[in-house]
Amino acid sequence: MFLQLFGTVVIAGIVGYVSEKSGFTRNGYLPSIIICIGGAFLFYFIRIMFGIRFGAPGIDAILSSVGALIIVPTHWRKRR
């Protein structure tokens, strides 16, 4: 179970980097990676507490990371 947590963090970081590199988001590399890791952590703990799953832990990490990037659109915020 502890290795699944590390795998979730690594996969979420990769999804954040790839989404920024491909142009899916325009947040910046570090904010996208942080958003993805936060969403993956949240879904990881929800999966542990309530048993909600979409499939393998890797698929859950990918889906939760992409979902977090869609929910938290920081590129639409006005910059000062």
C-alpha atoms as a PDB file:
ATOM      1  CA  MET A   1       0.000   0.000   0.000  1.00  0.00           C
ATOM      2  CA  PHE A   2       2.900   2.369   0.729  1.00  0.00           C
ATOM      3  CA  LEU A   3       4.371   1.689  -2.713  1.00  0.00           C
ATOM      4  CA  GLN A   4       1.021   2.572  -4.278  1.00  0.00           C
ATOM      5  CA  LEU A   5       1.300   6.002  -2.656  1.00  0.00           C
ATOM      6  CA  PHE A   6       4.746   6.551  -4.181  1.00  0.00           C
ATOM      7  CA  GLY A   7       3.504   5.331  -7.550  1.00  0.00           C
ATOM      8  CA  THR A   8       0.531   7.664  -7.354  1.00  0.00           C
ATOM      9  CA  VAL A   9       2.808  10.655  -6.694  1.00  0.00           C
ATOM     10  CA  VAL A  10       5.155   9.729  -9.549  1.00  0.00           C
ATOM     11  CA  ILE A  11       2.329   9.159 -12.031  1.00  0.00           C
ATOM     12  CA  ALA A  12       0.629  12.411 -10.997  1.00  0.00           C
ATOM     13  CA  GLY A  13       3.877  14.331 -11.475  1.00  0.00           C
ATOM     14  CA  ILE A  14       4.324  12.831 -14.925  1.00  0.00           C
ATOM     15  CA  VAL A  15       0.729  13.683 -15.874  1.00  0.00           C
ATOM     16  CA  GLY A  16       1.247  17.281 -14.706  1.00  0.00           C
ATOM     17  CA  TYR A  17       4.437  17.627 -16.719  1.00  0.00           C
ATOM     18  CA  VAL A  18       2.977  16.054 -19.857  1.00  0.00           C
ATOM     19  CA  SER A  19      -0.192  18.143 -19.670  1.00  0.00           C
ATOM     20  CA  GLU A  20       1.874  21.314 -19.508  1.00  0.00           C
ATOM     21  CA  LYS A  21       4.296  20.184 -22.222  1.00  0.00           C
ATOM     22  CA  SER A  22       1.467  19.239 -24.594  1.00  0.00           C
ATOM     23  CA  GLY A  23      -0.404  22.523 -24.116  1.00  0.00           C
ATOM     24  CA  PHE A  24      -3.422  21.035 -22.307  1.00  0.00           C
ATOM     25  CA  THR A  25      -2.864  23.570 -19.530  1.00  0.00           C
ATOM     26  CA  ARG A  26      -1.068  26.888 -19.332  1.00  0.00           C
ATOM     27  CA  ASN A  27      -0.464  27.048 -15.589  1.00  0.00           C
ATOM     28  CA  GLY A  28       3.283  26.550 -15.595  1.00  0.00           C
ATOM     29  CA  TYR A  29       5.132  23.335 -14.884  1.00  0.00           C
ATOM     30  CA  LEU A  30       5.290  23.540 -11.100  1.00  0.00           C
ATOM     31  CA  PRO A  31       1.636  24.583 -10.513  1.00  0.00           C
ATOM     32  CA  SER A  32       0.386  21.837 -12.836  1.00  0.00           C
ATOM     33  CA  ILE A  33       2.469  19.215 -11.071  1.00  0.00           C
ATOM     34  CA  ILE A  34       1.288  20.433  -7.659  1.00  0.00           C
ATOM     35  CA  ILE A  35      -2.359  20.399  -8.766  1.00  0.00           C
ATOM     36  CA  CYS A  36      -1.995  16.857 -10.124  1.00  0.00           C
ATOM     37  CA  ILE A  37      -0.277  15.552  -7.010  1.00  0.00           C
ATOM     38  CA  GLY A  38      -2.923  17.157  -4.796  1.00  0.00           C
ATOM     39  CA  GLY A  39      -5.764  15.617  -6.774  1.00  0.00           C
ATOM     40  CA  ALA A  40      -4.087  12.226  -6.791  1.00  0.00           C
ATOM     41  CA  PHE A  41      -3.497  12.351  -3.013  1.00  0.00           C
ATOM     42  CA  LEU A  42      -7.113  13.299  -2.429  1.00  0.00           C
ATOM     43  CA  PHE A  43      -8.460  10.470  -4.539  1.00  0.00           C
ATOM     44  CA  TYR A  44      -5.926   8.019  -3.061  1.00  0.00           C
ATOM     45  CA  PHE A  45      -7.221   8.678   0.449  1.00  0.00           C
ATOM     46  CA  ILE A  46     -10.840   8.582  -0.712  1.00  0.00           C
ATOM     47  CA  ARG A  47     -10.089   5.221  -2.312  1.00  0.00           C
ATOM     48  CA  ILE A  48      -8.651   3.935   0.965  1.00  0.00           C
ATOM     49  CA  MET A  49     -11.482   5.270   3.137  1.00  0.00           C
ATOM     50  CA  PHE A  50     -14.492   4.461   0.973  1.00  0.00           C
ATOM     51  CA  GLY A  51     -13.266   1.840  -1.494  1.00  0.00           C
ATOM     52  CA  ILE A  52     -14.193   3.868  -4.590  1.00  0.00           C
ATOM     53  CA  ARG A  53     -12.108   2.691  -7.564  1.00  0.00           C
ATOM     54  CA  PHE A  54     -12.046   3.001 -11.333  1.00  0.00           C
ATOM     55  CA  GLY A  55      -9.569   0.203 -11.860  1.00  0.00           C
ATOM     56  CA  ALA A  56      -5.918  -0.316 -11.057  1.00  0.00           C
ATOM     57  CA  PRO A  57      -4.163   2.256  -8.825  1.00  0.00           C
ATOM     58  CA  GLY A  58      -2.285   3.662 -11.830  1.00  0.00           C
ATOM     59  CA  ILE A  59      -5.503   4.306 -13.742  1.00  0.00           C
ATOM     60  CA  ASP A  60      -6.961   5.959 -10.639  1.00  0.00           C
ATOM     61  CA  ALA A  61      -3.900   8.229 -10.383  1.00  0.00           C
ATOM     62  CA  ILE A  62      -4.145   9.273 -14.032  1.00  0.00           C
ATOM     63  CA  LEU A  63      -7.881   9.963 -13.895  1.00  0.00           C
ATOM     64  CA  SER A  64      -7.685  11.885 -10.628  1.00  0.00           C
ATOM     65  CA  SER A  65      -4.760  13.990 -11.890  1.00  0.00           C
ATOM     66  CA  VAL A  66      -6.545  14.936 -15.093  1.00  0.00           C
ATOM     67  CA  GLY A  67      -9.709  15.622 -13.106  1.00  0.00           C
ATOM     68  CA  ALA A  68      -7.838  17.955 -10.778  1.00  0.00           C
ATOM     69  CA  LEU A  69      -6.388  19.833 -13.756  1.00  0.00           C
ATOM     70  CA  ILE A  70      -9.875  20.288 -15.186  1.00  0.00           C
ATOM     71  CA  ILE A  71     -11.421  21.377 -11.875  1.00  0.00           C
ATOM     72  CA  VAL A  72      -8.668  23.862 -10.910  1.00  0.00           C
ATOM     73  CA  PRO A  73      -8.283  26.167 -13.934  1.00  0.00           C
ATOM     74  CA  THR A  74      -5.594  28.537 -12.722  1.00  0.00           C
ATOM     75  CA  HIS A  75      -4.807  29.785 -16.231  1.00  0.00           C
ATOM     76  CA  TRP A  76      -8.095  31.728 -16.321  1.00  0.00           C
ATOM     77  CA  ARG A  77      -7.278  33.771 -13.223  1.00  0.00           C
ATOM     78  CA  LYS A  78      -6.148  37.324 -13.732  1.00  0.00           C
ATOM     79  CA  ARG A  79      -2.511  37.948 -12.983  1.00  0.00           C
ATOM     80  CA  ARG A  80      -1.379  41.064 -11.165  1.00  0.00           C
END
